[in-house]
């Protein structure tokens, strides 16, 4: 059996408009800041996905969940 040694991080935030990682207190900045703490060898990203609360495709109206899996 393989020992994957992964870490799963779930980010939740309100998204009200287009965001980028330069905007303080935005979900984009929170995720970007976390990714920047990862080592590209031992903390390599395996998977990243997102979904809107309630399954709605319009993420500009509410809560967004982002799941990030990386090596531990």
N, C-alpha and C. Protein backbone atom coordinates (compact mmCIF):
# COMPACT_ATOMS: atom_id res chain seq x y z
N UNK A 1 0.84 -1.18 0.00
CA UNK A 1 0.00 0.00 0.00
C UNK A 1 0.90 1.25 0.00
N UNK A 2 0.53 2.21 -0.82
CA UNK A 2 1.30 3.45 -0.91
C UNK A 2 1.02 4.37 0.27
N UNK A 3 2.03 5.11 0.66
CA UNK A 3 1.88 6.11 1.72
C UNK A 3 1.95 7.48 1.04
N UNK A 4 0.79 8.06 0.79
CA UNK A 4 0.74 9.30 0.04
C UNK A 4 1.17 10.54 0.83
N UNK A 5 0.94 10.54 2.14
CA UNK A 5 1.34 11.68 2.96
C UNK A 5 0.83 13.00 2.37
N UNK A 6 -0.48 13.15 2.31
CA UNK A 6 -1.09 14.36 1.74
C UNK A 6 -1.74 15.21 2.83
N UNK A 7 -1.94 16.46 2.50
CA UNK A 7 -2.67 17.40 3.35
C UNK A 7 -3.80 17.97 2.51
N UNK A 8 -5.01 17.99 3.07
CA UNK A 8 -6.17 18.57 2.39
C UNK A 8 -6.59 19.83 3.14
N UNK A 9 -6.69 20.91 2.41
CA UNK A 9 -7.06 22.20 2.99
C UNK A 9 -8.31 22.68 2.28
N UNK A 10 -9.33 23.07 3.05
CA UNK A 10 -10.57 23.59 2.46
C UNK A 10 -10.71 25.06 2.85
N UNK A 11 -10.81 25.89 1.84
CA UNK A 11 -11.00 27.33 2.03
C UNK A 11 -12.46 27.65 1.76
N UNK A 12 -13.05 28.51 2.57
CA UNK A 12 -14.43 28.94 2.39
C UNK A 12 -14.44 30.45 2.46
N UNK A 13 -15.10 31.08 1.51
CA UNK A 13 -15.16 32.53 1.54
C UNK A 13 -16.28 33.09 0.70
N UNK A 14 -16.63 34.31 0.99
CA UNK A 14 -17.63 35.02 0.22
C UNK A 14 -16.94 35.66 -0.99
N UNK A 15 -17.54 35.49 -2.13
CA UNK A 15 -17.01 36.07 -3.36
C UNK A 15 -18.10 36.97 -3.92
N UNK A 16 -17.81 38.27 -3.94
CA UNK A 16 -18.83 39.21 -4.39
C UNK A 16 -18.50 39.86 -5.72
N UNK A 17 -17.28 39.70 -6.18
CA UNK A 17 -16.87 40.28 -7.46
C UNK A 17 -15.60 39.59 -7.92
N UNK A 18 -15.10 39.98 -9.07
CA UNK A 18 -13.85 39.42 -9.55
C UNK A 18 -12.74 39.78 -8.57
N UNK A 19 -11.96 38.80 -8.17
CA UNK A 19 -10.91 39.01 -7.20
C UNK A 19 -9.56 38.62 -7.78
N UNK A 20 -8.51 39.18 -7.22
CA UNK A 20 -7.18 38.67 -7.50
C UNK A 20 -6.38 38.68 -6.20
N UNK A 21 -5.20 38.12 -6.25
CA UNK A 21 -4.43 37.89 -5.03
C UNK A 21 -3.82 39.14 -4.42
N UNK A 22 -4.07 40.30 -5.00
CA UNK A 22 -3.54 41.54 -4.42
C UNK A 22 -4.55 42.23 -3.51
N UNK A 23 -5.79 41.72 -3.47
CA UNK A 23 -6.84 42.36 -2.68
C UNK A 23 -6.86 41.78 -1.27
N UNK A 24 -6.56 42.62 -0.27
CA UNK A 24 -6.56 42.17 1.12
C UNK A 24 -7.92 41.60 1.52
N UNK A 25 -7.89 40.58 2.36
CA UNK A 25 -9.08 39.92 2.89
C UNK A 25 -9.93 39.23 1.83
N UNK A 26 -9.39 39.01 0.63
CA UNK A 26 -10.14 38.30 -0.39
C UNK A 26 -9.81 36.81 -0.32
N UNK A 27 -10.70 36.00 -0.82
CA UNK A 27 -10.46 34.56 -0.87
C UNK A 27 -9.27 34.27 -1.77
N UNK A 28 -9.14 35.01 -2.86
CA UNK A 28 -8.02 34.82 -3.77
C UNK A 28 -6.69 35.04 -3.06
N UNK A 29 -6.59 36.08 -2.25
CA UNK A 29 -5.35 36.36 -1.53
C UNK A 29 -5.07 35.29 -0.48
N UNK A 30 -6.12 34.86 0.23
CA UNK A 30 -5.95 33.82 1.25
C UNK A 30 -5.38 32.54 0.64
N UNK A 31 -5.96 32.13 -0.49
CA UNK A 31 -5.48 30.92 -1.15
C UNK A 31 -4.07 31.11 -1.69
N UNK A 32 -3.83 32.24 -2.33
CA UNK A 32 -2.51 32.51 -2.89
C UNK A 32 -1.44 32.54 -1.80
N UNK A 33 -1.74 33.19 -0.68
CA UNK A 33 -0.77 33.25 0.42
C UNK A 33 -0.45 31.85 0.94
N UNK A 34 -1.46 30.99 1.03
CA UNK A 34 -1.23 29.62 1.49
C UNK A 34 -0.35 28.86 0.49
N UNK A 35 -0.66 28.98 -0.79
CA UNK A 35 0.12 28.28 -1.81
C UNK A 35 1.57 28.74 -1.79
N UNK A 36 1.80 30.02 -1.55
CA UNK A 36 3.17 30.53 -1.51
C UNK A 36 3.98 29.97 -0.34
N UNK A 37 3.31 29.40 0.66
CA UNK A 37 4.04 28.79 1.78
C UNK A 37 4.50 27.37 1.46
N UNK A 38 3.98 26.80 0.37
CA UNK A 38 4.31 25.42 0.02
C UNK A 38 5.66 25.34 -0.69
N UNK A 39 6.41 24.30 -0.40
CA UNK A 39 7.64 24.00 -1.11
C UNK A 39 7.24 23.27 -2.39
N UNK A 40 7.81 23.66 -3.52
CA UNK A 40 7.37 23.06 -4.78
C UNK A 40 7.81 21.61 -4.95
N UNK A 41 8.63 21.10 -4.05
CA UNK A 41 9.01 19.69 -4.10
C UNK A 41 8.21 18.88 -3.10
N UNK A 42 8.38 19.20 -1.83
CA UNK A 42 7.71 18.41 -0.79
C UNK A 42 6.27 18.84 -0.57
N UNK A 43 5.88 20.02 -1.03
CA UNK A 43 4.51 20.50 -0.85
C UNK A 43 3.78 20.64 -2.17
N UNK A 44 4.21 19.89 -3.18
CA UNK A 44 3.63 20.01 -4.51
C UNK A 44 2.12 19.80 -4.50
N UNK A 45 1.41 20.62 -5.26
CA UNK A 45 -0.05 20.53 -5.33
C UNK A 45 -0.44 19.31 -6.16
N UNK A 46 -1.34 18.53 -5.61
CA UNK A 46 -1.85 17.33 -6.29
C UNK A 46 -3.18 17.64 -6.98
N UNK A 47 -4.04 18.39 -6.28
CA UNK A 47 -5.36 18.67 -6.82
C UNK A 47 -5.90 19.96 -6.22
N UNK A 48 -6.70 20.67 -7.02
CA UNK A 48 -7.37 21.87 -6.54
C UNK A 48 -8.71 21.94 -7.26
N UNK A 49 -9.79 22.12 -6.49
CA UNK A 49 -11.12 22.20 -7.09
C UNK A 49 -11.97 23.19 -6.30
N UNK A 50 -13.07 23.61 -6.90
CA UNK A 50 -13.96 24.55 -6.22
C UNK A 50 -15.40 24.24 -6.55
N UNK A 51 -16.26 24.69 -5.66
CA UNK A 51 -17.70 24.60 -5.89
C UNK A 51 -18.39 25.75 -5.18
N UNK A 52 -19.49 26.18 -5.72
CA UNK A 52 -20.27 27.24 -5.10
C UNK A 52 -21.26 26.63 -4.12
N UNK A 53 -21.55 27.33 -3.05
CA UNK A 53 -22.51 26.89 -2.05
C UNK A 53 -23.86 26.64 -2.72
N UNK A 54 -24.45 25.51 -2.46
CA UNK A 54 -25.74 25.18 -3.04
C UNK A 54 -25.65 24.70 -4.48
N UNK A 55 -24.43 24.61 -5.02
CA UNK A 55 -24.27 24.10 -6.36
C UNK A 55 -24.54 25.11 -7.47
N UNK A 56 -24.84 26.36 -7.13
CA UNK A 56 -25.11 27.36 -8.16
C UNK A 56 -23.83 27.68 -8.92
N UNK A 57 -23.95 27.88 -10.21
CA UNK A 57 -22.76 28.14 -11.03
C UNK A 57 -22.33 29.60 -10.99
N UNK A 58 -23.13 30.48 -10.40
CA UNK A 58 -22.78 31.89 -10.33
C UNK A 58 -22.06 32.17 -9.02
N UNK A 59 -20.73 32.08 -9.02
CA UNK A 59 -19.97 32.26 -7.78
C UNK A 59 -19.92 33.71 -7.33
N UNK A 60 -20.38 34.63 -8.16
CA UNK A 60 -20.34 36.04 -7.77
C UNK A 60 -21.48 36.43 -6.85
N UNK A 61 -22.28 35.46 -6.41
CA UNK A 61 -23.41 35.79 -5.55
C UNK A 61 -23.30 35.19 -4.16
N UNK A 62 -22.17 34.59 -3.83
CA UNK A 62 -22.12 34.01 -2.49
C UNK A 62 -20.87 33.25 -2.16
N UNK A 63 -21.06 32.21 -1.39
CA UNK A 63 -19.97 31.47 -0.78
C UNK A 63 -19.35 30.46 -1.76
N UNK A 64 -18.03 30.38 -1.70
CA UNK A 64 -17.29 29.47 -2.55
C UNK A 64 -16.42 28.59 -1.67
N UNK A 65 -16.36 27.30 -2.01
CA UNK A 65 -15.51 26.34 -1.31
C UNK A 65 -14.40 25.92 -2.27
N UNK A 66 -13.16 26.02 -1.82
CA UNK A 66 -12.01 25.60 -2.62
C UNK A 66 -11.26 24.53 -1.84
N UNK A 67 -11.05 23.38 -2.47
CA UNK A 67 -10.34 22.28 -1.84
C UNK A 67 -8.98 22.13 -2.51
N UNK A 68 -7.94 22.14 -1.69
CA UNK A 68 -6.57 22.02 -2.16
C UNK A 68 -5.93 20.81 -1.50
N UNK A 69 -5.37 19.91 -2.30
CA UNK A 69 -4.66 18.74 -1.78
C UNK A 69 -3.22 18.87 -2.23
N UNK A 70 -2.30 18.75 -1.26
CA UNK A 70 -0.88 18.83 -1.60
C UNK A 70 -0.10 17.81 -0.80
N UNK A 71 1.12 17.56 -1.24
CA UNK A 71 1.98 16.63 -0.51
C UNK A 71 2.25 17.19 0.88
N UNK A 72 2.36 16.30 1.85
CA UNK A 72 2.59 16.71 3.23
C UNK A 72 4.02 16.72 3.62
